Amino acid sequence: MLRLAPSLFTGPATLGLFLLVGPAVAAPNGAQIYAAKCASCHGKAGEGTKKYAQPLAGDKSVAQLARVIAKTMPEDDPGSCTGPDADAVAQYMHDAFYSAAARARNKPPRVELSRLTVRQ
């Protein structure tokens, strides 16, 4: 077992190293990236806006969405959301509102229409 002298990791030099490196900062998640780079054009929940009325909904896989995002988004700076960021945004969008399962979860059937399908 390697044993280091405690004096190597104490004192002003260690404090300076800590300040230089700093504490670890977590990378932004897909929801944070979407809110910062996508929501202004596509809406808070992908519902669309006046500029882009079509909602973000479809049947692409997460990997396909990530490729589209990496290549074309955001519109004002295409290609600036790539790699892990594009993957995170694609996963968030797919799970939150893009996929058929997410859309069904977000819009449950209306109670008023249930009488039309239930025999009385």
PDB file of N, CA and C in Angstrom:
ATOM      1  N   MET A   1       0.843  -1.171   0.000  1.00  0.00           N
ATOM      2  CA  MET A   1       0.000   0.000   0.000  1.00  0.00           C
ATOM      3  C   MET A   1       0.891   1.236   0.000  1.00  0.00           C
ATOM      4  N   LEU A   2       0.534   2.208  -0.825  1.00  0.00           N
ATOM      5  CA  LEU A   2       1.298   3.443  -0.925  1.00  0.00           C
ATOM      6  C   LEU A   2       0.875   4.375   0.200  1.00  0.00           C
ATOM      7  N   ARG A   3       1.837   4.891   0.921  1.00  0.00           N
ATOM      8  CA  ARG A   3       1.548   5.791   2.029  1.00  0.00           C
ATOM      9  C   ARG A   3       2.239   7.113   1.756  1.00  0.00           C
ATOM     10  N   LEU A   4       1.442   8.185   1.763  1.00  0.00           N
ATOM     11  CA  LEU A   4       1.996   9.506   1.511  1.00  0.00           C
ATOM     12  C   LEU A   4       2.054  10.283   2.814  1.00  0.00           C
ATOM     13  N   ALA A   5       3.037  11.111   2.913  1.00  0.00           N
ATOM     14  CA  ALA A   5       3.187  11.921   4.116  1.00  0.00           C
ATOM     15  C   ALA A   5       2.047  12.933   4.180  1.00  0.00           C
ATOM     16  N   PRO A   6       1.395  13.088   5.325  1.00  0.00           N
ATOM     17  CA  PRO A   6       0.282  14.024   5.450  1.00  0.00           C
ATOM     18  C   PRO A   6       0.680  15.461   5.158  1.00  0.00           C
ATOM     19  N   SER A   7       1.935  15.798   5.362  1.00  0.00           N
ATOM     20  CA  SER A   7       2.356  17.181   5.149  1.00  0.00           C
ATOM     21  C   SER A   7       2.313  17.574   3.670  1.00  0.00           C
ATOM     22  N   LEU A   8       2.267  16.596   2.773  1.00  0.00           N
ATOM     23  CA  LEU A   8       2.194  16.907   1.357  1.00  0.00           C
ATOM     24  C   LEU A   8       0.839  17.502   0.963  1.00  0.00           C
ATOM     25  N   PHE A   9      -0.200  17.211   1.725  1.00  0.00           N
ATOM     26  CA  PHE A   9      -1.544  17.621   1.354  1.00  0.00           C
ATOM     27  C   PHE A   9      -2.150  18.619   2.327  1.00  0.00           C
ATOM     28  N   THR A  10      -1.336  19.338   3.025  1.00  0.00           N
ATOM     29  CA  THR A  10      -1.841  20.364   3.931  1.00  0.00           C
ATOM     30  C   THR A  10      -1.094  21.658   3.675  1.00  0.00           C
ATOM     31  N   GLY A  11      -1.651  22.726   4.095  1.00  0.00           N
ATOM     32  CA  GLY A  11      -0.972  24.010   3.983  1.00  0.00           C
ATOM     33  C   GLY A  11      -1.479  24.836   2.818  1.00  0.00           C
ATOM     34  N   PRO A  12      -0.840  25.978   2.582  1.00  0.00           N
ATOM     35  CA  PRO A  12      -1.305  26.933   1.575  1.00  0.00           C
ATOM     36  C   PRO A  12      -1.270  26.389   0.149  1.00  0.00           C
ATOM     37  N   ALA A  13      -0.324  25.511  -0.161  1.00  0.00           N
ATOM     38  CA  ALA A  13      -0.238  24.983  -1.520  1.00  0.00           C
ATOM     39  C   ALA A  13      -1.479  24.178  -1.869  1.00  0.00           C
ATOM     40  N   THR A  14      -1.985  23.412  -0.923  1.00  0.00           N
ATOM     41  CA  THR A  14      -3.185  22.615  -1.157  1.00  0.00           C
ATOM     42  C   THR A  14      -4.383  23.521  -1.367  1.00  0.00           C
ATOM     43  N   LEU A  15      -4.504  24.565  -0.588  1.00  0.00           N
ATOM     44  CA  LEU A  15      -5.596  25.515  -0.732  1.00  0.00           C
ATOM     45  C   LEU A  15      -5.533  26.170  -2.110  1.00  0.00           C
ATOM     46  N   GLY A  16      -4.355  26.534  -2.544  1.00  0.00           N
ATOM     47  CA  GLY A  16      -4.194  27.138  -3.866  1.00  0.00           C
ATOM     48  C   GLY A  16      -4.587  26.172  -4.971  1.00  0.00           C
ATOM     49  N   LEU A  17      -4.230  24.907  -4.816  1.00  0.00           N
ATOM     50  CA  LEU A  17      -4.593  23.900  -5.800  1.00  0.00           C
ATOM     51  C   LEU A  17      -6.106  23.733  -5.840  1.00  0.00           C
ATOM     52  N   PHE A  18      -6.752  23.697  -4.668  1.00  0.00           N
ATOM     53  CA  PHE A  18      -8.200  23.564  -4.608  1.00  0.00           C
ATOM     54  C   PHE A  18      -8.870  24.755  -5.280  1.00  0.00           C
ATOM     55  N   LEU A  19      -8.379  25.953  -5.017  1.00  0.00           N
ATOM     56  CA  LEU A  19      -8.974  27.140  -5.611  1.00  0.00           C
ATOM     57  C   LEU A  19      -8.780  27.156  -7.119  1.00  0.00           C
ATOM     58  N   LEU A  20      -7.644  26.644  -7.582  1.00  0.00           N
ATOM     59  CA  LEU A  20      -7.372  26.588  -9.003  1.00  0.00           C
ATOM     60  C   LEU A  20      -8.292  25.594  -9.697  1.00  0.00           C
ATOM     61  N   VAL A  21      -8.442  24.424  -9.124  1.00  0.00           N
ATOM     62  CA  VAL A  21      -9.264  23.379  -9.706  1.00  0.00           C
ATOM     63  C   VAL A  21     -10.729  23.627  -9.381  1.00  0.00           C
ATOM     64  N   GLY A  22     -11.022  23.971  -8.159  1.00  0.00           N
ATOM     65  CA  GLY A  22     -12.385  24.256  -7.731  1.00  0.00           C
ATOM     66  C   GLY A  22     -13.184  22.990  -7.519  1.00  0.00           C
ATOM     67  N   PRO A  23     -14.360  23.130  -6.945  1.00  0.00           N
ATOM     68  CA  PRO A  23     -15.207  21.967  -6.718  1.00  0.00           C
ATOM     69  C   PRO A  23     -15.799  21.482  -8.034  1.00  0.00           C
ATOM     70  N   ALA A  24     -16.153  20.225  -8.083  1.00  0.00           N
ATOM     71  CA  ALA A  24     -16.761  19.650  -9.278  1.00  0.00           C
ATOM     72  C   ALA A  24     -18.136  20.261  -9.487  1.00  0.00           C
ATOM     73  N   VAL A  25     -18.428  20.648 -10.728  1.00  0.00           N
ATOM     74  CA  VAL A  25     -19.715  21.225 -11.075  1.00  0.00           C
ATOM     75  C   VAL A  25     -20.439  20.231 -11.971  1.00  0.00           C
ATOM     76  N   ALA A  26     -21.668  19.925 -11.622  1.00  0.00           N
ATOM     77  CA  ALA A  26     -22.442  18.971 -12.397  1.00  0.00           C
ATOM     78  C   ALA A  26     -22.803  19.574 -13.754  1.00  0.00           C
ATOM     79  N   ALA A  27     -22.739  18.741 -14.769  1.00  0.00           N
ATOM     80  CA  ALA A  27     -23.130  19.183 -16.105  1.00  0.00           C
ATOM     81  C   ALA A  27     -24.641  19.400 -16.133  1.00  0.00           C
ATOM     82  N   PRO A  28     -25.109  20.355 -16.933  1.00  0.00           N
ATOM     83  CA  PRO A  28     -26.550  20.594 -16.997  1.00  0.00           C
ATOM     84  C   PRO A  28     -27.272  19.377 -17.567  1.00  0.00           C
ATOM     85  N   ASN A  29     -28.474  19.136 -17.081  1.00  0.00           N
ATOM     86  CA  ASN A  29     -29.226  17.993 -17.585  1.00  0.00           C
ATOM     87  C   ASN A  29     -30.049  18.411 -18.797  1.00  0.00           C
ATOM     88  N   GLY A  30     -30.720  17.445 -19.412  1.00  0.00           N
ATOM     89  CA  GLY A  30     -31.486  17.703 -20.623  1.00  0.00           C
ATOM     90  C   GLY A  30     -32.559  18.759 -20.455  1.00  0.00           C
ATOM     91  N   ALA A  31     -33.244  18.753 -19.315  1.00  0.00           N
ATOM     92  CA  ALA A  31     -34.304  19.738 -19.068  1.00  0.00           C
ATOM     93  C   ALA A  31     -33.721  21.150 -18.995  1.00  0.00           C
ATOM     94  N   GLN A  32     -32.571  21.291 -18.360  1.00  0.00           N
ATOM     95  CA  GLN A  32     -31.936  22.608 -18.247  1.00  0.00           C
ATOM     96  C   GLN A  32     -31.461  23.108 -19.607  1.00  0.00           C
ATOM     97  N   ILE A  33     -30.883  22.226 -20.391  1.00  0.00           N
ATOM     98  CA  ILE A  33     -30.411  22.612 -21.724  1.00  0.00           C
ATOM     99  C   ILE A  33     -31.598  22.969 -22.609  1.00  0.00           C
ATOM    100  N   TYR A  34     -32.660  22.160 -22.555  1.00  0.00           N
ATOM    101  CA  TYR A  34     -33.855  22.447 -23.350  1.00  0.00           C
ATOM    102  C   TYR A  34     -34.420  23.818 -22.978  1.00  0.00           C
ATOM    103  N   ALA A  35     -34.529  24.087 -21.680  1.00  0.00           N
ATOM    104  CA  ALA A  35     -35.073  25.375 -21.229  1.00  0.00           C
ATOM    105  C   ALA A  35     -34.219  26.536 -21.723  1.00  0.00           C
ATOM    106  N   ALA A  36     -32.915  26.368 -21.739  1.00  0.00           N
ATOM    107  CA  ALA A  36     -32.012  27.447 -22.127  1.00  0.00           C
ATOM    108  C   ALA A  36     -31.926  27.648 -23.641  1.00  0.00           C
ATOM    109  N   LYS A  37     -31.930  26.557 -24.402  1.00  0.00           N
ATOM    110  CA  LYS A  37     -31.649  26.673 -25.834  1.00  0.00           C
ATOM    111  C   LYS A  37     -32.824  26.383 -26.756  1.00  0.00           C
ATOM    112  N   CYS A  38     -33.874  25.738 -26.252  1.00  0.00           N
ATOM    113  CA  CYS A  38     -34.931  25.249 -27.145  1.00  0.00           C
ATOM    114  C   CYS A  38     -36.311  25.830 -26.864  1.00  0.00           C
ATOM    115  N   ALA A  39     -36.608  26.074 -25.599  1.00  0.00           N
ATOM    116  CA  ALA A  39     -37.968  26.448 -25.202  1.00  0.00           C
ATOM    117  C   ALA A  39     -38.440  27.752 -25.825  1.00  0.00           C
ATOM    118  N   SER A  40     -37.543  28.674 -26.108  1.00  0.00           N
ATOM    119  CA  SER A  40     -37.971  29.958 -26.668  1.00  0.00           C
ATOM    120  C   SER A  40     -38.626  29.780 -28.039  1.00  0.00           C
ATOM    121  N   CYS A  41     -38.206  28.798 -28.810  1.00  0.00           N
ATOM    122  CA  CYS A  41     -38.801  28.543 -30.127  1.00  0.00           C
ATOM    123  C   CYS A  41     -39.852  27.436 -30.096  1.00  0.00           C
ATOM    124  N   HIS A  42     -39.610  26.402 -29.296  1.00  0.00           N
ATOM    125  CA  HIS A  42     -40.464  25.216 -29.330  1.00  0.00           C
ATOM    126  C   HIS A  42     -41.468  25.129 -28.195  1.00  0.00           C
ATOM    127  N   GLY A  43     -41.426  26.051 -27.254  1.00  0.00           N
ATOM    128  CA  GLY A  43     -42.359  26.030 -26.132  1.00  0.00           C
ATOM    129  C   GLY A  43     -41.820  25.266 -24.954  1.00  0.00           C
ATOM    130  N   LYS A  44     -42.350  25.591 -23.794  1.00  0.00           N
ATOM    131  CA  LYS A  44     -41.873  25.000 -22.538  1.00  0.00           C
ATOM    132  C   LYS A  44     -41.995  23.473 -22.534  1.00  0.00           C
ATOM    133  N   ALA A  45     -43.069  22.969 -23.124  1.00  0.00           N
ATOM    134  CA  ALA A  45     -43.287  21.519 -23.163  1.00  0.00           C
ATOM    135  C   ALA A  45     -43.402  21.026 -24.604  1.00  0.00           C
ATOM    136  N   GLY A  46     -42.687  21.688 -25.526  1.00  0.00           N
ATOM    137  CA  GLY A  46     -42.690  21.263 -26.916  1.00  0.00           C
ATOM    138  C   GLY A  46     -43.996  21.515 -27.637  1.00  0.00           C
ATOM    139  N   GLU A  47     -44.859  22.353 -27.063  1.00  0.00           N
ATOM    140  CA  GLU A  47     -46.184  22.596 -27.637  1.00  0.00           C
ATOM    141  C   GLU A  47     -46.150  23.531 -28.839  1.00  0.00           C
ATOM    142  N   GLY A  48     -45.031  24.156 -29.107  1.00  0.00           N
ATOM    143  CA  GLY A  48     -44.916  25.096 -30.201  1.00  0.00           C
ATOM    144  C   GLY A  48     -45.118  26.521 -29.709  1.00  0.00           C
ATOM    145  N   THR A  49     -44.807  27.472 -30.569  1.00  0.00           N
ATOM    146  CA  THR A  49     -44.958  28.892 -30.259  1.00  0.00           C
ATOM    147  C   THR A  49     -45.538  29.578 -31.487  1.00  0.00           C
ATOM    148  N   LYS A  50     -45.703  30.872 -31.412  1.00  0.00           N
ATOM    149  CA  LYS A  50     -46.192  31.619 -32.582  1.00  0.00           C
ATOM    150  C   LYS A  50     -45.239  31.461 -33.755  1.00  0.00           C
ATOM    151  N   LYS A  51     -43.939  31.460 -33.473  1.00  0.00           N
ATOM    152  CA  LYS A  51     -42.938  31.337 -34.541  1.00  0.00           C
ATOM    153  C   LYS A  51     -42.923  29.930 -35.139  1.00  0.00           C
ATOM    154  N   TYR A  52     -43.026  28.922 -34.284  1.00  0.00           N
ATOM    155  CA  TYR A  52     -43.034  27.519 -34.704  1.00  0.00           C
ATOM    156  C   TYR A  52     -44.270  26.860 -34.110  1.00  0.00           C
ATOM    157  N   ALA A  53     -45.360  26.868 -34.856  1.00  0.00           N
ATOM    158  CA  ALA A  53     -46.639  26.404 -34.322  1.00  0.00           C
ATOM    159  C   ALA A  53     -46.717  24.886 -34.167  1.00  0.00           C
ATOM    160  N   GLN A  54     -45.941  24.154 -34.928  1.00  0.00           N
ATOM    161  CA  GLN A  54     -46.025  22.690 -34.878  1.00  0.00           C
ATOM    162  C   GLN A  54     -45.394  22.154 -33.595  1.00  0.00           C
ATOM    163  N   PRO A  55     -46.133  21.339 -32.837  1.00  0.00           N
ATOM    164  CA  PRO A  55     -45.560  20.783 -31.607  1.00  0.00           C
ATOM    165  C   PRO A  55     -44.468  19.753 -31.903  1.00  0.00           C
ATOM    166  N   LEU A  56     -43.583  19.565 -30.937  1.00  0.00           N
ATOM    167  CA  LEU A  56     -42.535  18.554 -31.054  1.00  0.00           C
ATOM    168  C   LEU A  56     -43.139  17.216 -30.639  1.00  0.00           C
ATOM    169  N   ALA A  57     -43.532  16.444 -31.617  1.00  0.00           N
ATOM    170  CA  ALA A  57     -44.122  15.127 -31.380  1.00  0.00           C
ATOM    171  C   ALA A  57     -43.797  14.268 -32.587  1.00  0.00           C
ATOM    172  N   GLY A  58     -43.547  13.001 -32.354  1.00  0.00           N
ATOM    173  CA  GLY A  58     -43.229  12.122 -33.469  1.00  0.00           C
ATOM    174  C   GLY A  58     -42.880  10.735 -33.014  1.00  0.00           C
ATOM    175  N   ASP A  59     -42.256   9.991 -33.926  1.00  0.00           N
ATOM    176  CA  ASP A  59     -41.930   8.602 -33.637  1.00  0.00           C
ATOM    177  C   ASP A  59     -40.446   8.287 -33.798  1.00  0.00           C
ATOM    178  N   LYS A  60     -39.607   9.311 -33.820  1.00  0.00           N
ATOM    179  CA  LYS A  60     -38.159   9.074 -33.900  1.00  0.00           C
ATOM    180  C   LYS A  60     -37.653   8.506 -32.564  1.00  0.00           C
ATOM    181  N   SER A  61     -36.587   7.734 -32.657  1.00  0.00           N
ATOM    182  CA  SER A  61     -35.951   7.213 -31.443  1.00  0.00           C
ATOM    183  C   SER A  61     -35.123   8.321 -30.795  1.00  0.00           C
ATOM    184  N   VAL A  62     -34.658   8.062 -29.594  1.00  0.00           N
ATOM    185  CA  VAL A  62     -33.812   9.028 -28.897  1.00  0.00           C
ATOM    186  C   VAL A  62     -32.537   9.288 -29.699  1.00  0.00           C
ATOM    187  N   ALA A  63     -31.949   8.237 -30.259  1.00  0.00           N
ATOM    188  CA  ALA A  63     -30.719   8.393 -31.044  1.00  0.00           C
ATOM    189  C   ALA A  63     -30.970   9.237 -32.296  1.00  0.00           C
ATOM    190  N   GLN A  64     -32.100   9.022 -32.963  1.00  0.00           N
ATOM    191  CA  GLN A  64     -32.429   9.818 -34.141  1.00  0.00           C
ATOM    192  C   GLN A  64     -32.648  11.286 -33.772  1.00  0.00           C
ATOM    193  N   LEU A  65     -33.357  11.525 -32.670  1.00  0.00           N
ATOM    194  CA  LEU A  65     -33.559  12.898 -32.198  1.00  0.00           C
ATOM    195  C   LEU A  65     -32.225  13.567 -31.889  1.00  0.00           C
ATOM    196  N   ALA A  66     -31.336  12.844 -31.227  1.00  0.00           N
ATOM    197  CA  ALA A  66     -30.024  13.398 -30.869  1.00  0.00           C
ATOM    198  C   ALA A  66     -29.245  13.803 -32.119  1.00  0.00           C
ATOM    199  N   ARG A  67     -29.321  13.003 -33.177  1.00  0.00           N
ATOM    200  CA  ARG A  67     -28.623  13.350 -34.420  1.00  0.00           C
ATOM    201  C   ARG A  67     -29.201  14.618 -35.046  1.00  0.00           C
ATOM    202  N   VAL A  68     -30.528  14.735 -35.046  1.00  0.00           N
ATOM    203  CA  VAL A  68     -31.168  15.932 -35.604  1.00  0.00           C
ATOM    204  C   VAL A  68     -30.778  17.163 -34.790  1.00  0.00           C
ATOM    205  N   ILE A  69     -30.828  17.037 -33.476  1.00  0.00           N
ATOM    206  CA  ILE A  69     -30.466  18.156 -32.597  1.00  0.00           C
ATOM    207  C   ILE A  69     -29.019  18.570 -32.829  1.00  0.00           C
ATOM    208  N   ALA A  70     -28.114  17.602 -32.861  1.00  0.00           N
ATOM    209  CA  ALA A  70     -26.692  17.900 -33.031  1.00  0.00           C
ATOM    210  C   ALA A  70     -26.404  18.591 -34.364  1.00  0.00           C
ATOM    211  N   LYS A  71     -27.152  18.238 -35.384  1.00  0.00           N
ATOM    212  CA  LYS A  71     -26.894  18.772 -36.721  1.00  0.00           C
ATOM    213  C   LYS A  71     -27.570  20.123 -36.975  1.00  0.00           C
ATOM    214  N   THR A  72     -28.752  20.346 -36.386  1.00  0.00           N
ATOM    215  CA  THR A  72     -29.547  21.504 -36.808  1.00  0.00           C
ATOM    216  C   THR A  72     -29.934  22.491 -35.710  1.00  0.00           C
ATOM    217  N   MET A  73     -29.689  22.188 -34.463  1.00  0.00           N
ATOM    218  CA  MET A  73     -30.190  23.038 -33.382  1.00  0.00           C
ATOM    219  C   MET A  73     -29.066  23.634 -32.548  1.00  0.00           C
ATOM    220  N   PRO A  74     -29.315  24.751 -31.913  1.00  0.00           N
ATOM    221  CA  PRO A  74     -30.462  25.643 -32.100  1.00  0.00           C
ATOM    222  C   PRO A  74     -30.364  26.362 -33.438  1.00  0.00           C
ATOM    223  N   GLU A  75     -31.492  26.862 -33.911  1.00  0.00           N
ATOM    224  CA  GLU A  75     -31.552  27.449 -35.249  1.00  0.00           C
ATOM    225  C   GLU A  75     -30.551  28.601 -35.432  1.00  0.00           C
ATOM    226  N   ASP A  76     -30.381  29.420 -34.396  1.00  0.00           N
ATOM    227  CA  ASP A  76     -29.471  30.565 -34.517  1.00  0.00           C
ATOM    228  C   ASP A  76     -27.996  30.181 -34.423  1.00  0.00           C
ATOM    229  N   ASP A  77     -27.700  28.937 -34.033  1.00  0.00           N
ATOM    230  CA  ASP A  77     -26.312  28.475 -33.925  1.00  0.00           C
ATOM    231  C   ASP A  77     -26.251  26.962 -34.126  1.00  0.00           C
ATOM    232  N   PRO A  78     -26.600  26.483 -35.349  1.00  0.00           N
ATOM    233  CA  PRO A  78     -26.644  25.040 -35.585  1.00  0.00           C
ATOM    234  C   PRO A  78     -25.325  24.356 -35.240  1.00  0.00           C
ATOM    235  N   GLY A  79     -25.434  23.199 -34.654  1.00  0.00           N
ATOM    236  CA  GLY A  79     -24.249  22.435 -34.301  1.00  0.00           C
ATOM    237  C   GLY A  79     -23.642  22.800 -32.966  1.00  0.00           C
ATOM    238  N   SER A  80     -24.250  23.722 -32.230  1.00  0.00           N
ATOM    239  CA  SER A  80     -23.678  24.113 -30.937  1.00  0.00           C
ATOM    240  C   SER A  80     -24.180  23.224 -29.793  1.00  0.00           C
ATOM    241  N   CYS A  81     -25.156  22.395 -30.055  1.00  0.00           N
ATOM    242  CA  CYS A  81     -25.657  21.449 -29.046  1.00  0.00           C
ATOM    243  C   CYS A  81     -25.351  20.047 -29.562  1.00  0.00           C
ATOM    244  N   THR A  82     -24.192  19.524 -29.200  1.00  0.00           N
ATOM    245  CA  THR A  82     -23.736  18.243 -29.736  1.00  0.00           C
ATOM    246  C   THR A  82     -23.320  17.299 -28.618  1.00  0.00           C
ATOM    247  N   GLY A  83     -22.986  16.091 -28.998  1.00  0.00           N
ATOM    248  CA  GLY A  83     -22.460  15.101 -28.057  1.00  0.00           C
ATOM    249  C   GLY A  83     -23.389  14.819 -26.903  1.00  0.00           C
ATOM    250  N   PRO A  84     -22.851  14.816 -25.674  1.00  0.00           N
ATOM    251  CA  PRO A  84     -23.660  14.493 -24.503  1.00  0.00           C
ATOM    252  C   PRO A  84     -24.827  15.468 -24.289  1.00  0.00           C
ATOM    253  N   ASP A  85     -24.648  16.732 -24.682  1.00  0.00           N
ATOM    254  CA  ASP A  85     -25.742  17.699 -24.536  1.00  0.00           C
ATOM    255  C   ASP A  85     -26.909  17.330 -25.447  1.00  0.00           C
ATOM    256  N   ALA A  86     -26.627  17.017 -26.706  1.00  0.00           N
ATOM    257  CA  ALA A  86     -27.683  16.617 -27.642  1.00  0.00           C
ATOM    258  C   ALA A  86     -28.363  15.337 -27.164  1.00  0.00           C
ATOM    259  N   ASP A  87     -27.575  14.390 -26.661  1.00  0.00           N
ATOM    260  CA  ASP A  87     -28.143  13.147 -26.135  1.00  0.00           C
ATOM    261  C   ASP A  87     -29.069  13.421 -24.951  1.00  0.00           C
ATOM    262  N   ALA A  88     -28.645  14.315 -24.064  1.00  0.00           N
ATOM    263  CA  ALA A  88     -29.442  14.633 -22.878  1.00  0.00           C
ATOM    264  C   ALA A  88     -30.744  15.334 -23.254  1.00  0.00           C
ATOM    265  N   VAL A  89     -30.679  16.265 -24.199  1.00  0.00           N
ATOM    266  CA  VAL A  89     -31.889  16.966 -24.641  1.00  0.00           C
ATOM    267  C   VAL A  89     -32.836  15.991 -25.329  1.00  0.00           C
ATOM    268  N   ALA A  90     -32.296  15.132 -26.182  1.00  0.00           N
ATOM    269  CA  ALA A  90     -33.129  14.151 -26.882  1.00  0.00           C
ATOM    270  C   ALA A  90     -33.827  13.222 -25.892  1.00  0.00           C
ATOM    271  N   GLN A  91     -33.100  12.761 -24.898  1.00  0.00           N
ATOM    272  CA  GLN A  91     -33.696  11.866 -23.893  1.00  0.00           C
ATOM    273  C   GLN A  91     -34.796  12.592 -23.122  1.00  0.00           C
ATOM    274  N   TYR A  92     -34.528  13.837 -22.718  1.00  0.00           N
ATOM    275  CA  TYR A  92     -35.526  14.624 -21.989  1.00  0.00           C
ATOM    276  C   TYR A  92     -36.774  14.827 -22.842  1.00  0.00           C
ATOM    277  N   MET A  93     -36.592  15.283 -24.092  1.00  0.00           N
ATOM    278  CA  MET A  93     -37.736  15.539 -24.967  1.00  0.00           C
ATOM    279  C   MET A  93     -38.552  14.275 -25.183  1.00  0.00           C
ATOM    280  N   HIS A  94     -37.881  13.191 -25.481  1.00  0.00           N
ATOM    281  CA  HIS A  94     -38.562  11.923 -25.773  1.00  0.00           C
ATOM    282  C   HIS A  94     -39.401  11.485 -24.577  1.00  0.00           C
ATOM    283  N   ASP A  95     -38.823  11.563 -23.389  1.00  0.00           N
ATOM    284  CA  ASP A  95     -39.529  11.123 -22.183  1.00  0.00           C
ATOM    285  C   ASP A  95     -40.600  12.102 -21.721  1.00  0.00           C
ATOM    286  N   ALA A  96     -40.385  13.399 -21.941  1.00  0.00           N
ATOM    287  CA  ALA A  96     -41.296  14.412 -21.400  1.00  0.00           C
ATOM    288  C   ALA A  96     -42.499  14.677 -22.294  1.00  0.00           C
ATOM    289  N   PHE A  97     -42.309  14.726 -23.638  1.00  0.00           N
ATOM    290  CA  PHE A  97     -43.446  15.107 -24.477  1.00  0.00           C
ATOM    291  C   PHE A  97     -43.398  14.628 -25.917  1.00  0.00           C
ATOM    292  N   TYR A  98     -42.295  14.132 -26.425  1.00  0.00           N
ATOM    293  CA  TYR A  98     -42.170  13.805 -27.842  1.00  0.00           C
ATOM    294  C   TYR A  98     -42.803  12.464 -28.201  1.00  0.00           C
ATOM    295  N   SER A  99     -42.532  11.437 -27.431  1.00  0.00           N
ATOM    296  CA  SER A  99     -42.972  10.077 -27.776  1.00  0.00           C
ATOM    297  C   SER A  99     -44.479   9.905 -27.608  1.00  0.00           C
ATOM    298  N   ALA A 100     -45.023   8.864 -28.243  1.00  0.00           N
ATOM    299  CA  ALA A 100     -46.455   8.570 -28.114  1.00  0.00           C
ATOM    300  C   ALA A 100     -46.824   8.299 -26.663  1.00  0.00           C
ATOM    301  N   ALA A 101     -45.958   7.608 -25.944  1.00  0.00           N
ATOM    302  CA  ALA A 101     -46.229   7.311 -24.523  1.00  0.00           C
ATOM    303  C   ALA A 101     -46.274   8.592 -23.700  1.00  0.00           C
ATOM    304  N   ALA A 102     -45.380   9.517 -23.979  1.00  0.00           N
ATOM    305  CA  ALA A 102     -45.359  10.787 -23.244  1.00  0.00           C
ATOM    306  C   ALA A 102     -46.599  11.610 -23.570  1.00  0.00           C
ATOM    307  N   ARG A 103     -46.993  11.632 -24.837  1.00  0.00           N
ATOM    308  CA  ARG A 103     -48.192  12.389 -25.213  1.00  0.00           C
ATOM    309  C   ARG A 103     -49.430  11.803 -24.548  1.00  0.00           C
ATOM    310  N   ALA A 104     -49.527  10.479 -24.493  1.00  0.00           N
ATOM    311  CA  ALA A 104     -50.674   9.837 -23.838  1.00  0.00           C
ATOM    312  C   ALA A 104     -50.684  10.154 -22.342  1.00  0.00           C
ATOM    313  N   ARG A 105     -49.516  10.159 -21.740  1.00  0.00           N
ATOM    314  CA  ARG A 105     -49.411  10.453 -20.313  1.00  0.00           C
ATOM    315  C   ARG A 105     -49.778  11.910 -20.026  1.00  0.00           C
ATOM    316  N   ASN A 106     -49.415  12.808 -20.925  1.00  0.00           N
ATOM    317  CA  ASN A 106     -49.673  14.227 -20.724  1.00  0.00           C
ATOM    318  C   ASN A 106     -51.105  14.640 -21.059  1.00  0.00           C
ATOM    319  N   LYS A 107     -51.811  13.854 -21.858  1.00  0.00           N
ATOM    320  CA  LYS A 107     -53.192  14.171 -22.223  1.00  0.00           C
ATOM    321  C   LYS A 107     -54.073  12.950 -21.980  1.00  0.00           C
ATOM    322  N   PRO A 108     -54.467  12.715 -20.734  1.00  0.00           N
ATOM    323  CA  PRO A 108     -55.337  11.568 -20.459  1.00  0.00           C
ATOM    324  C   PRO A 108     -56.696  11.770 -21.122  1.00  0.00           C
ATOM    325  N   PRO A 109     -57.444  10.687 -21.373  1.00  0.00           N
ATOM    326  CA  PRO A 109     -58.758  10.808 -22.011  1.00  0.00           C
ATOM    327  C   PRO A 109     -59.688  11.700 -21.201  1.00  0.00           C
ATOM    328  N   ARG A 110     -60.525  12.439 -21.896  1.00  0.00           N
ATOM    329  CA  ARG A 110     -61.469  13.315 -21.227  1.00  0.00           C
ATOM    330  C   ARG A 110     -62.647  12.508 -20.685  1.00  0.00           C
ATOM    331  N   VAL A 111     -63.084  12.836 -19.503  1.00  0.00           N
ATOM    332  CA  VAL A 111     -64.185  12.125 -18.853  1.00  0.00           C
ATOM    333  C   VAL A 111     -65.475  12.300 -19.643  1.00  0.00           C
ATOM    334  N   GLU A 112     -65.699  13.476 -20.228  1.00  0.00           N
ATOM    335  CA  GLU A 112     -66.936  13.726 -20.947  1.00  0.00           C
ATOM    336  C   GLU A 112     -67.128  12.746 -22.114  1.00  0.00           C
ATOM    337  N   LEU A 113     -66.032  12.308 -22.714  1.00  0.00           N
ATOM    338  CA  LEU A 113     -66.131  11.420 -23.846  1.00  0.00           C
ATOM    339  C   LEU A 113     -66.299   9.960 -23.450  1.00  0.00           C
ATOM    340  N   SER A 114     -66.130   9.634 -22.206  1.00  0.00           N
ATOM    341  CA  SER A 114     -66.228   8.247 -21.784  1.00  0.00           C
ATOM    342  C   SER A 114     -67.631   7.699 -21.974  1.00  0.00           C
ATOM    343  N   ARG A 115     -68.651   8.544 -21.900  1.00  0.00           N
ATOM    344  CA  ARG A 115     -70.025   8.075 -22.096  1.00  0.00           C
ATOM    345  C   ARG A 115     -70.255   7.617 -23.524  1.00  0.00           C
ATOM    346  N   LEU A 116     -69.484   8.124 -24.455  1.00  0.00           N
ATOM    347  CA  LEU A 116     -69.655   7.716 -25.838  1.00  0.00           C
ATOM    348  C   LEU A 116     -69.150   6.318 -26.112  1.00  0.00           C
ATOM    349  N   THR A 117     -68.296   5.820 -25.255  1.00  0.00           N
ATOM    350  CA  THR A 117     -67.703   4.509 -25.487  1.00  0.00           C
ATOM    351  C   THR A 117     -68.185   3.442 -24.524  1.00  0.00           C
ATOM    352  N   VAL A 118     -68.925   3.824 -23.494  1.00  0.00           N
ATOM    353  CA  VAL A 118     -69.406   2.860 -22.507  1.00  0.00           C
ATOM    354  C   VAL A 118     -70.883   2.618 -22.744  1.00  0.00           C
ATOM    355  N   ARG A 119     -71.247   1.325 -22.913  1.00  0.00           N
ATOM    356  CA  ARG A 119     -72.676   1.014 -23.106  1.00  0.00           C
ATOM    357  C   ARG A 119     -73.439   1.285 -21.821  1.00  0.00           C
ATOM    358  N   GLN A 120     -74.597   1.841 -21.987  1.00  0.00           N
ATOM    359  CA  GLN A 120     -75.423   2.154 -20.806  1.00  0.00           C
ATOM    360  C   GLN A 120     -76.707   1.358 -20.828  1.00  0.00           C
TER     361      GLN A 120
END
